[in-house]
PDB file of N, CA and C in Angstrom:
ATOM      1  N   UNK A   1      81.405  60.529 150.462  1.00  0.00           N
ATOM      2  CA  UNK A   1      82.761  60.479 149.967  1.00  0.00           C
ATOM      3  C   UNK A   1      83.688  60.133 151.123  1.00  0.00           C
ATOM      4  N   UNK A   2      84.637  59.219 150.908  1.00  0.00           N
ATOM      5  CA  UNK A   2      85.567  58.787 151.954  1.00  0.00           C
ATOM      6  C   UNK A   2      86.648  59.836 152.165  1.00  0.00           C
ATOM      7  N   UNK A   3      87.060  59.951 153.424  1.00  0.00           N
ATOM      8  CA  UNK A   3      88.139  60.891 153.735  1.00  0.00           C
ATOM      9  C   UNK A   3      89.452  60.355 153.206  1.00  0.00           C
ATOM     10  N   UNK A   4      90.249  61.246 152.691  1.00  0.00           N
ATOM     11  CA  UNK A   4      91.579  60.848 152.232  1.00  0.00           C
ATOM     12  C   UNK A   4      92.558  61.048 153.371  1.00  0.00           C
ATOM     13  N   UNK A   5      93.398  60.058 153.574  1.00  0.00           N
ATOM     14  CA  UNK A   5      94.400  60.152 154.635  1.00  0.00           C
ATOM     15  C   UNK A   5      95.631  60.849 154.104  1.00  0.00           C
ATOM     16  N   UNK A   6      96.166  61.722 154.936  1.00  0.00           N
ATOM     17  CA  UNK A   6      97.409  62.385 154.580  1.00  0.00           C
ATOM     18  C   UNK A   6      98.559  61.420 154.864  1.00  0.00           C
ATOM     19  N   UNK A   7      99.547  61.364 153.991  1.00  0.00           N
ATOM     20  CA  UNK A   7     100.689  60.492 154.280  1.00  0.00           C
ATOM     21  C   UNK A   7     101.431  60.987 155.518  1.00  0.00           C
ATOM     22  N   UNK A   8     101.807  60.052 156.350  1.00  0.00           N
ATOM     23  CA  UNK A   8     102.517  60.384 157.579  1.00  0.00           C
ATOM     24  C   UNK A   8     104.004  60.432 157.276  1.00  0.00           C
ATOM     25  N   UNK A   9     104.625  61.530 157.588  1.00  0.00           N
ATOM     26  CA  UNK A   9     106.068  61.666 157.365  1.00  0.00           C
ATOM     27  C   UNK A   9     106.815  60.817 158.381  1.00  0.00           C
ATOM     28  N   UNK A  10     107.729  60.026 157.896  1.00  0.00           N
ATOM     29  CA  UNK A  10     108.526  59.189 158.792  1.00  0.00           C
ATOM     30  C   UNK A  10     109.932  59.761 158.873  1.00  0.00           C
ATOM     31  N   UNK A  11     110.477  59.680 160.051  1.00  0.00           N
ATOM     32  CA  UNK A  11     111.841  60.172 160.213  1.00  0.00           C
ATOM     33  C   UNK A  11     112.814  59.198 159.560  1.00  0.00           C
ATOM     34  N   UNK A  12     114.042  59.623 159.403  1.00  0.00           N
ATOM     35  CA  UNK A  12     115.062  58.787 158.786  1.00  0.00           C
ATOM     36  C   UNK A  12     115.363  57.565 159.642  1.00  0.00           C
ATOM     37  N   UNK A  13     115.052  57.638 160.929  1.00  0.00           N
ATOM     38  CA  UNK A  13     115.369  56.536 161.828  1.00  0.00           C
ATOM     39  C   UNK A  13     114.211  55.557 161.992  1.00  0.00           C
ATOM     40  N   UNK A  14     113.132  55.753 161.286  1.00  0.00           N
ATOM     41  CA  UNK A  14     111.987  54.863 161.428  1.00  0.00           C
ATOM     42  C   UNK A  14     112.371  53.452 161.006  1.00  0.00           C
ATOM     43  N   UNK A  15     112.019  52.485 161.831  1.00  0.00           N
ATOM     44  CA  UNK A  15     112.293  51.098 161.499  1.00  0.00           C
ATOM     45  C   UNK A  15     113.678  50.629 161.879  1.00  0.00           C
ATOM     46  N   UNK A  16     114.474  51.462 162.472  1.00  0.00           N
ATOM     47  CA  UNK A  16     115.821  51.086 162.881  1.00  0.00           C
ATOM     48  C   UNK A  16     115.823  50.764 164.366  1.00  0.00           C
ATOM     49  N   UNK A  17     116.785  49.954 164.778  1.00  0.00           N
ATOM     50  CA  UNK A  17     116.928  49.649 166.192  1.00  0.00           C
ATOM     51  C   UNK A  17     118.386  49.410 166.502  1.00  0.00           C
ATOM     52  N   UNK A  18     118.708  49.486 167.759  1.00  0.00           N
ATOM     53  CA  UNK A  18     120.086  49.273 168.203  1.00  0.00           C
ATOM     54  C   UNK A  18     120.150  47.908 168.870  1.00  0.00           C
ATOM     55  N   UNK A  19     121.098  47.119 168.441  1.00  0.00           N
ATOM     56  CA  UNK A  19     121.293  45.792 168.996  1.00  0.00           C
ATOM     57  C   UNK A  19     122.338  45.882 170.089  1.00  0.00           C
ATOM     58  N   UNK A  20     121.982  45.503 171.289  1.00  0.00           N
ATOM     59  CA  UNK A  20     122.914  45.547 172.412  1.00  0.00           C
ATOM     60  C   UNK A  20     123.928  44.415 172.343  1.00  0.00           C
ATOM     61  N   UNK A  21     124.921  44.490 173.193  1.00  0.00           N
ATOM     62  CA  UNK A  21     125.988  43.485 173.156  1.00  0.00           C
ATOM     63  C   UNK A  21     125.475  42.099 173.540  1.00  0.00           C
ATOM     64  N   UNK A  22     124.518  42.019 174.461  1.00  0.00           N
ATOM     65  CA  UNK A  22     123.982  40.711 174.855  1.00  0.00           C
ATOM     66  C   UNK A  22     123.234  40.069 173.691  1.00  0.00           C
ATOM     67  N   UNK A  23     122.433  40.850 173.007  1.00  0.00           N
ATOM     68  CA  UNK A  23     121.710  40.346 171.842  1.00  0.00           C
ATOM     69  C   UNK A  23     122.653  39.953 170.724  1.00  0.00           C
ATOM     70  N   UNK A  24     123.670  40.778 170.519  1.00  0.00           N
ATOM     71  CA  UNK A  24     124.657  40.483 169.487  1.00  0.00           C
ATOM     72  C   UNK A  24     125.393  39.180 169.797  1.00  0.00           C
ATOM     73  N   UNK A  25     125.726  38.957 171.076  1.00  0.00           N
ATOM     74  CA  UNK A  25     126.387  37.717 171.485  1.00  0.00           C
ATOM     75  C   UNK A  25     125.521  36.500 171.171  1.00  0.00           C
ATOM     76  N   UNK A  26     124.223  36.602 171.429  1.00  0.00           N
ATOM     77  CA  UNK A  26     123.317  35.485 171.183  1.00  0.00           C
ATOM     78  C   UNK A  26     123.194  35.178 169.694  1.00  0.00           C
ATOM     79  N   UNK A  27     123.083  36.216 168.883  1.00  0.00           N
ATOM     80  CA  UNK A  27     122.988  36.017 167.435  1.00  0.00           C
ATOM     81  C   UNK A  27     124.298  35.447 166.902  1.00  0.00           C
ATOM     82  N   UNK A  28     125.414  35.969 167.372  1.00  0.00           N
ATOM     83  CA  UNK A  28     126.719  35.488 166.929  1.00  0.00           C
ATOM     84  C   UNK A  28     126.927  34.028 167.323  1.00  0.00           C
ATOM     85  N   UNK A  29     126.426  33.631 168.483  1.00  0.00           N
ATOM     86  CA  UNK A  29     126.578  32.246 168.948  1.00  0.00           C
ATOM     87  C   UNK A  29     125.901  31.275 167.988  1.00  0.00           C
ATOM     88  N   UNK A  30     124.777  31.684 167.416  1.00  0.00           N
ATOM     89  CA  UNK A  30     124.081  30.845 166.439  1.00  0.00           C
ATOM     90  C   UNK A  30     124.980  30.611 165.227  1.00  0.00           C
ATOM     91  N   UNK A  31     125.749  31.615 164.862  1.00  0.00           N
ATOM     92  CA  UNK A  31     126.654  31.515 163.722  1.00  0.00           C
ATOM     93  C   UNK A  31     127.976  30.853 164.085  1.00  0.00           C
ATOM     94  N   UNK A  32     128.161  30.556 165.357  1.00  0.00           N
ATOM     95  CA  UNK A  32     129.404  29.923 165.796  1.00  0.00           C
ATOM     96  C   UNK A  32     130.530  30.910 166.056  1.00  0.00           C
ATOM     97  N   UNK A  33     130.184  32.175 166.240  1.00  0.00           N
ATOM     98  CA  UNK A  33     131.180  33.215 166.479  1.00  0.00           C
ATOM     99  C   UNK A  33     131.210  33.520 167.973  1.00  0.00           C
ATOM    100  N   UNK A  34     132.374  33.475 168.553  1.00  0.00           N
ATOM    101  CA  UNK A  34     132.531  33.760 169.981  1.00  0.00           C
ATOM    102  C   UNK A  34     133.556  34.873 170.159  1.00  0.00           C
ATOM    103  N   UNK A  35     133.313  35.739 171.122  1.00  0.00           N
ATOM    104  CA  UNK A  35     134.274  36.803 171.420  1.00  0.00           C
ATOM    105  C   UNK A  35     135.369  36.239 172.305  1.00  0.00           C
ATOM    106  N   UNK A  36     136.601  36.550 171.950  1.00  0.00           N
ATOM    107  CA  UNK A  36     137.733  36.124 172.764  1.00  0.00           C
ATOM    108  C   UNK A  36     137.822  37.044 173.980  1.00  0.00           C
ATOM    109  N   UNK A  37     138.546  36.630 175.013  1.00  0.00           N
ATOM    110  CA  UNK A  37     138.722  37.513 176.173  1.00  0.00           C
ATOM    111  C   UNK A  37     139.348  38.862 175.786  1.00  0.00           C
ATOM    112  N   UNK A  38     140.276  38.835 174.826  1.00  0.00           N
ATOM    113  CA  UNK A  38     140.905  40.092 174.384  1.00  0.00           C
ATOM    114  C   UNK A  38     139.879  41.016 173.735  1.00  0.00           C
ATOM    115  N   UNK A  39     138.962  40.434 172.969  1.00  0.00           N
ATOM    116  CA  UNK A  39     137.928  41.238 172.314  1.00  0.00           C
ATOM    117  C   UNK A  39     136.989  41.851 173.350  1.00  0.00           C
ATOM    118  N   UNK A  40     136.618  41.056 174.359  1.00  0.00           N
ATOM    119  CA  UNK A  40     135.744  41.557 175.425  1.00  0.00           C
ATOM    120  C   UNK A  40     136.429  42.677 176.204  1.00  0.00           C
ATOM    121  N   UNK A  41     137.717  42.511 176.456  1.00  0.00           N
ATOM    122  CA  UNK A  41     138.477  43.532 177.186  1.00  0.00           C
ATOM    123  C   UNK A  41     138.513  44.832 176.382  1.00  0.00           C
ATOM    124  N   UNK A  42     138.782  44.715 175.089  1.00  0.00           N
ATOM    125  CA  UNK A  42     138.858  45.887 174.218  1.00  0.00           C
ATOM    126  C   UNK A  42     137.510  46.608 174.170  1.00  0.00           C
ATOM    127  N   UNK A  43     136.420  45.856 174.088  1.00  0.00           N
ATOM    128  CA  UNK A  43     135.083  46.462 174.055  1.00  0.00           C
ATOM    129  C   UNK A  43     134.793  47.176 175.374  1.00  0.00           C
ATOM    130  N   UNK A  44     135.181  46.562 176.485  1.00  0.00           N
ATOM    131  CA  UNK A  44     134.981  47.192 177.794  1.00  0.00           C
ATOM    132  C   UNK A  44     135.765  48.481 177.940  1.00  0.00           C
ATOM    133  N   UNK A  45     136.995  48.466 177.431  1.00  0.00           N
ATOM    134  CA  UNK A  45     137.826  49.677 177.491  1.00  0.00           C
ATOM    135  C   UNK A  45     137.209  50.792 176.656  1.00  0.00           C
ATOM    136  N   UNK A  46     136.669  50.441 175.496  1.00  0.00           N
ATOM    137  CA  UNK A  46     136.044  51.443 174.634  1.00  0.00           C
ATOM    138  C   UNK A  46     134.847  52.077 175.318  1.00  0.00           C
ATOM    139  N   UNK A  47     134.049  51.253 175.975  1.00  0.00           N
ATOM    140  CA  UNK A  47     132.890  51.789 176.695  1.00  0.00           C
ATOM    141  C   UNK A  47     133.326  52.668 177.860  1.00  0.00           C
ATOM    142  N   UNK A  48     134.334  52.219 178.605  1.00  0.00           N
ATOM    143  CA  UNK A  48     134.800  52.972 179.763  1.00  0.00           C
ATOM    144  C   UNK A  48     135.365  54.334 179.357  1.00  0.00           C
ATOM    145  N   UNK A  49     136.056  54.358 178.214  1.00  0.00           N
ATOM    146  CA  UNK A  49     136.646  55.606 177.731  1.00  0.00           C
ATOM    147  C   UNK A  49     135.627  56.474 177.003  1.00  0.00           C
ATOM    148  N   UNK A  50     134.478  55.903 176.650  1.00  0.00           N
ATOM    149  CA  UNK A  50     133.458  56.658 175.927  1.00  0.00           C
ATOM    150  C   UNK A  50     133.849  56.938 174.492  1.00  0.00           C
ATOM    151  N   UNK A  51     134.521  55.985 173.851  1.00  0.00           N
ATOM    152  CA  UNK A  51     134.978  56.175 172.477  1.00  0.00           C
ATOM    153  C   UNK A  51     133.809  56.155 171.498  1.00  0.00           C
ATOM    154  N   UNK A  52     133.967  56.901 170.424  1.00  0.00           N
ATOM    155  CA  UNK A  52     132.971  56.861 169.356  1.00  0.00           C
ATOM    156  C   UNK A  52     133.166  55.573 168.570  1.00  0.00           C
ATOM    157  N   UNK A  53     132.222  55.282 167.697  1.00  0.00           N
ATOM    158  CA  UNK A  53     132.314  54.070 166.872  1.00  0.00           C
ATOM    159  C   UNK A  53     133.581  54.106 166.016  1.00  0.00           C
ATOM    160  N   UNK A  54     133.888  55.263 165.460  1.00  0.00           N
ATOM    161  CA  UNK A  54     135.088  55.387 164.616  1.00  0.00           C
ATOM    162  C   UNK A  54     136.364  55.164 165.439  1.00  0.00           C
ATOM    163  N   UNK A  55     136.417  55.726 166.629  1.00  0.00           N
ATOM    164  CA  UNK A  55     137.587  55.537 167.493  1.00  0.00           C
ATOM    165  C   UNK A  55     137.725  54.072 167.907  1.00  0.00           C
ATOM    166  N   UNK A  56     136.604  53.414 168.146  1.00  0.00           N
ATOM    167  CA  UNK A  56     136.628  51.990 168.506  1.00  0.00           C
ATOM    168  C   UNK A  56     137.164  51.155 167.338  1.00  0.00           C
ATOM    169  N   UNK A  57     136.714  51.476 166.117  1.00  0.00           N
ATOM    170  CA  UNK A  57     137.225  50.770 164.931  1.00  0.00           C
ATOM    171  C   UNK A  57     138.724  50.954 164.796  1.00  0.00           C
ATOM    172  N   UNK A  58     139.199  52.168 165.036  1.00  0.00           N
ATOM    173  CA  UNK A  58     140.648  52.414 164.954  1.00  0.00           C
ATOM    174  C   UNK A  58     141.405  51.582 165.982  1.00  0.00           C
ATOM    175  N   UNK A  59     140.832  51.447 167.185  1.00  0.00           N
ATOM    176  CA  UNK A  59     141.461  50.646 168.229  1.00  0.00           C
ATOM    177  C   UNK A  59     141.576  49.181 167.789  1.00  0.00           C
ATOM    178  N   UNK A  60     140.529  48.668 167.182  1.00  0.00           N
ATOM    179  CA  UNK A  60     140.540  47.286 166.697  1.00  0.00           C
ATOM    180  C   UNK A  60     141.580  47.109 165.601  1.00  0.00           C
ATOM    181  N   UNK A  61     141.624  48.037 164.671  1.00  0.00           N
ATOM    182  CA  UNK A  61     142.583  47.948 163.561  1.00  0.00           C
ATOM    183  C   UNK A  61     144.000  47.994 164.094  1.00  0.00           C
ATOM    184  N   UNK A  62     144.271  48.873 165.071  1.00  0.00           N
ATOM    185  CA  UNK A  62     145.612  48.948 165.663  1.00  0.00           C
ATOM    186  C   UNK A  62     146.009  47.626 166.307  1.00  0.00           C
ATOM    187  N   UNK A  63     145.049  46.957 166.935  1.00  0.00           N
ATOM    188  CA  UNK A  63     145.376  45.705 167.641  1.00  0.00           C
ATOM    189  C   UNK A  63     145.732  44.574 166.676  1.00  0.00           C
ATOM    190  N   UNK A  64     145.232  44.630 165.451  1.00  0.00           N
ATOM    191  CA  UNK A  64     145.523  43.578 164.474  1.00  0.00           C
ATOM    192  C   UNK A  64     146.599  43.963 163.461  1.00  0.00           C
ATOM    193  N   UNK A  65     147.032  45.206 163.503  1.00  0.00           N
ATOM    194  CA  UNK A  65     148.035  45.689 162.551  1.00  0.00           C
ATOM    195  C   UNK A  65     149.371  44.995 162.802  1.00  0.00           C
ATOM    196  N   UNK A  66     150.004  44.602 161.733  1.00  0.00           N
ATOM    197  CA  UNK A  66     151.330  43.980 161.840  1.00  0.00           C
ATOM    198  C   UNK A  66     152.364  45.010 161.425  1.00  0.00           C
ATOM    199  N   UNK A  67     153.136  45.480 162.386  1.00  0.00           N
ATOM    200  CA  UNK A  67     154.154  46.489 162.090  1.00  0.00           C
ATOM    201  C   UNK A  67     155.530  45.877 162.151  1.00  0.00           C
TER     202      UNK A  67
END
């Protein structure tokens, strides 16, 4: 009789990966999308300040908001 394999529990993060900024730039270039100097500056500031993803999104929204 053949042994039955127990199903292996996978974590919620199985199969996921994080795309770095260099990789993202290369993929975006294929689509014809380029980061402006202002966008690069904003991303650098977010990293330097250690902002969360939500805080970074708020920073982007503030920069494009028309008041």
